[in-house]
Amino acid sequence: MPLPTIRIKDIGKDGKGATPEEIASQIMDAVLKGAQNAVASAKINVDQLTGAAMKQVEEAAGDATKALEDATGGAGGAGDAVKGLIKGFGK
């Protein structure tokens, strides 16, 4: 089951920027929403998701983490915040 491309821009634009936690939260929200939409459109019962589908979600989250780290140079621990969220994902 392919996951949609996720594009996020202008994080923190409406205010005084964004903390690493806010960035991680917005990224994870987008990844999870994309995964939920993919599952819903495929008409798959969430209880029937297999390890392979969960792996795709984790890989997408990993890609989001890498993109965040690349964009911020790892600044402010944002990458670690996302990794912490991913580490507990699916347990």
C-alpha atoms as a PDB file:
ATOM      1  CA  MET A   1       0.000   0.000   0.000  1.00  0.00           C
ATOM      2  CA  PRO A   2       1.720   3.177  -1.147  1.00  0.00           C
ATOM      3  CA  LEU A   3       1.690   6.204   1.090  1.00  0.00           C
ATOM      4  CA  PRO A   4       1.029   9.628  -0.392  1.00  0.00           C
ATOM      5  CA  THR A   5       3.778  12.202  -0.756  1.00  0.00           C
ATOM      6  CA  ILE A   6       3.799  14.485   2.241  1.00  0.00           C
ATOM      7  CA  ARG A   7       4.825  18.098   1.844  1.00  0.00           C
ATOM      8  CA  ILE A   8       4.966  20.494   4.738  1.00  0.00           C
ATOM      9  CA  LYS A   9       6.037  24.102   4.457  1.00  0.00           C
ATOM     10  CA  ASP A  10       5.972  27.294   6.439  1.00  0.00           C
ATOM     11  CA  ILE A  11       6.236  25.561   9.814  1.00  0.00           C
ATOM     12  CA  GLY A  12       6.402  28.286  12.426  1.00  0.00           C
ATOM     13  CA  LYS A  13       5.698  31.029   9.901  1.00  0.00           C
ATOM     14  CA  ASP A  14       2.648  32.316  11.808  1.00  0.00           C
ATOM     15  CA  GLY A  15       4.400  33.545  14.907  1.00  0.00           C
ATOM     16  CA  LYS A  16       7.819  33.385  16.449  1.00  0.00           C
ATOM     17  CA  GLY A  17       9.000  30.191  14.797  1.00  0.00           C
ATOM     18  CA  ALA A  18       8.470  26.661  16.027  1.00  0.00           C
ATOM     19  CA  THR A  19      10.094  24.561  18.713  1.00  0.00           C
ATOM     20  CA  PRO A  20      11.574  21.165  17.831  1.00  0.00           C
ATOM     21  CA  GLU A  21       8.594  19.546  19.543  1.00  0.00           C
ATOM     22  CA  GLU A  22       6.124  21.559  17.450  1.00  0.00           C
ATOM     23  CA  ILE A  23       7.995  20.653  14.280  1.00  0.00           C
ATOM     24  CA  ALA A  24       8.059  16.967  15.200  1.00  0.00           C
ATOM     25  CA  SER A  25       4.371  17.028  16.073  1.00  0.00           C
ATOM     26  CA  GLN A  26       3.393  18.619  12.757  1.00  0.00           C
ATOM     27  CA  ILE A  27       5.495  16.117  10.812  1.00  0.00           C
ATOM     28  CA  MET A  28       4.102  13.117  12.680  1.00  0.00           C
ATOM     29  CA  ASP A  29       0.543  14.428  12.279  1.00  0.00           C
ATOM     30  CA  ALA A  30       1.075  14.671   8.517  1.00  0.00           C
ATOM     31  CA  VAL A  31       2.650  11.201   8.293  1.00  0.00           C
ATOM     32  CA  LEU A  32      -0.099   9.598  10.371  1.00  0.00           C
ATOM     33  CA  LYS A  33      -2.854  11.413   8.476  1.00  0.00           C
ATOM     34  CA  GLY A  34      -1.352  10.235   5.184  1.00  0.00           C
ATOM     35  CA  ALA A  35      -1.167   6.664   6.472  1.00  0.00           C
ATOM     36  CA  GLN A  36      -4.745   6.786   7.765  1.00  0.00           C
ATOM     37  CA  ASN A  37      -6.003   8.158   4.448  1.00  0.00           C
ATOM     38  CA  ALA A  38      -4.115   5.474   2.532  1.00  0.00           C
ATOM     39  CA  VAL A  39      -5.630   2.759   4.725  1.00  0.00           C
ATOM     40  CA  ALA A  40      -9.117   4.251   4.460  1.00  0.00           C
ATOM     41  CA  SER A  41      -8.959   4.585   0.688  1.00  0.00           C
ATOM     42  CA  ALA A  42      -7.688   1.019   0.398  1.00  0.00           C
ATOM     43  CA  LYS A  43     -10.667  -0.101   2.512  1.00  0.00           C
ATOM     44  CA  ILE A  44      -8.425  -2.050   4.843  1.00  0.00           C
ATOM     45  CA  ASN A  45      -9.410  -2.643   8.431  1.00  0.00           C
ATOM     46  CA  VAL A  46      -6.747  -1.048  10.623  1.00  0.00           C
ATOM     47  CA  ASP A  47      -6.766  -4.180  12.784  1.00  0.00           C
ATOM     48  CA  GLN A  48      -5.622  -6.146   9.744  1.00  0.00           C
ATOM     49  CA  LEU A  49      -2.527  -4.070   9.045  1.00  0.00           C
ATOM     50  CA  THR A  50       0.488  -6.336   8.821  1.00  0.00           C
ATOM     51  CA  GLY A  51       4.090  -5.745   9.743  1.00  0.00           C
ATOM     52  CA  ALA A  52       4.842  -4.795   6.143  1.00  0.00           C
ATOM     53  CA  ALA A  53       2.344  -1.932   6.156  1.00  0.00           C
ATOM     54  CA  MET A  54       3.591  -0.743   9.539  1.00  0.00           C
ATOM     55  CA  LYS A  55       7.145  -0.835   8.188  1.00  0.00           C
ATOM     56  CA  GLN A  56       6.100   1.523   5.364  1.00  0.00           C
ATOM     57  CA  VAL A  57       4.692   3.976   7.892  1.00  0.00           C
ATOM     58  CA  GLU A  58       7.896   3.795   9.929  1.00  0.00           C
ATOM     59  CA  GLU A  59       9.994   4.294   6.789  1.00  0.00           C
ATOM     60  CA  ALA A  60       7.930   7.342   5.830  1.00  0.00           C
ATOM     61  CA  ALA A  61       8.407   8.722   9.327  1.00  0.00           C
ATOM     62  CA  GLY A  62      12.127   8.011   9.026  1.00  0.00           C
ATOM     63  CA  ASP A  63      12.192   9.889   5.729  1.00  0.00           C
ATOM     64  CA  ALA A  64      10.446  12.806   7.420  1.00  0.00           C
ATOM     65  CA  THR A  65      13.034  12.697  10.205  1.00  0.00           C
ATOM     66  CA  LYS A  66      15.897  12.760   7.697  1.00  0.00           C
ATOM     67  CA  ALA A  67      14.314  15.635   5.790  1.00  0.00           C
ATOM     68  CA  LEU A  68      13.915  17.561   9.037  1.00  0.00           C
ATOM     69  CA  GLU A  69      17.496  16.867  10.070  1.00  0.00           C
ATOM     70  CA  ASP A  70      18.750  17.895   6.624  1.00  0.00           C
ATOM     71  CA  ALA A  71      16.666  21.078   6.699  1.00  0.00           C
ATOM     72  CA  THR A  72      17.733  22.089  10.198  1.00  0.00           C
ATOM     73  CA  GLY A  73      21.187  20.583  10.295  1.00  0.00           C
ATOM     74  CA  GLY A  74      19.987  18.676  13.348  1.00  0.00           C
ATOM     75  CA  ALA A  75      19.553  21.991  15.191  1.00  0.00           C
ATOM     76  CA  GLY A  76      17.726  22.136  18.461  1.00  0.00           C
ATOM     77  CA  GLY A  77      17.263  18.395  18.816  1.00  0.00           C
ATOM     78  CA  ALA A  78      14.311  18.347  16.395  1.00  0.00           C
ATOM     79  CA  GLY A  79      15.579  15.160  14.790  1.00  0.00           C
ATOM     80  CA  ASP A  80      15.877  13.522  18.197  1.00  0.00           C
ATOM     81  CA  ALA A  81      12.333  14.605  19.049  1.00  0.00           C
ATOM     82  CA  VAL A  82      10.993  12.970  15.883  1.00  0.00           C
ATOM     83  CA  LYS A  83      13.102   9.846  16.448  1.00  0.00           C
ATOM     84  CA  GLY A  84      11.680   9.585  19.966  1.00  0.00           C
ATOM     85  CA  LEU A  85       8.167   9.717  18.588  1.00  0.00           C
ATOM     86  CA  ILE A  86       8.970   7.119  15.938  1.00  0.00           C
ATOM     87  CA  LYS A  87      10.687   4.792  18.402  1.00  0.00           C
ATOM     88  CA  GLY A  88       7.457   4.372  20.362  1.00  0.00           C
ATOM     89  CA  PHE A  89       5.270   4.239  17.257  1.00  0.00           C
ATOM     90  CA  GLY A  90       3.400   1.008  16.693  1.00  0.00           C
ATOM     91  CA  LYS A  91       3.948  -0.462  20.161  1.00  0.00           C
END
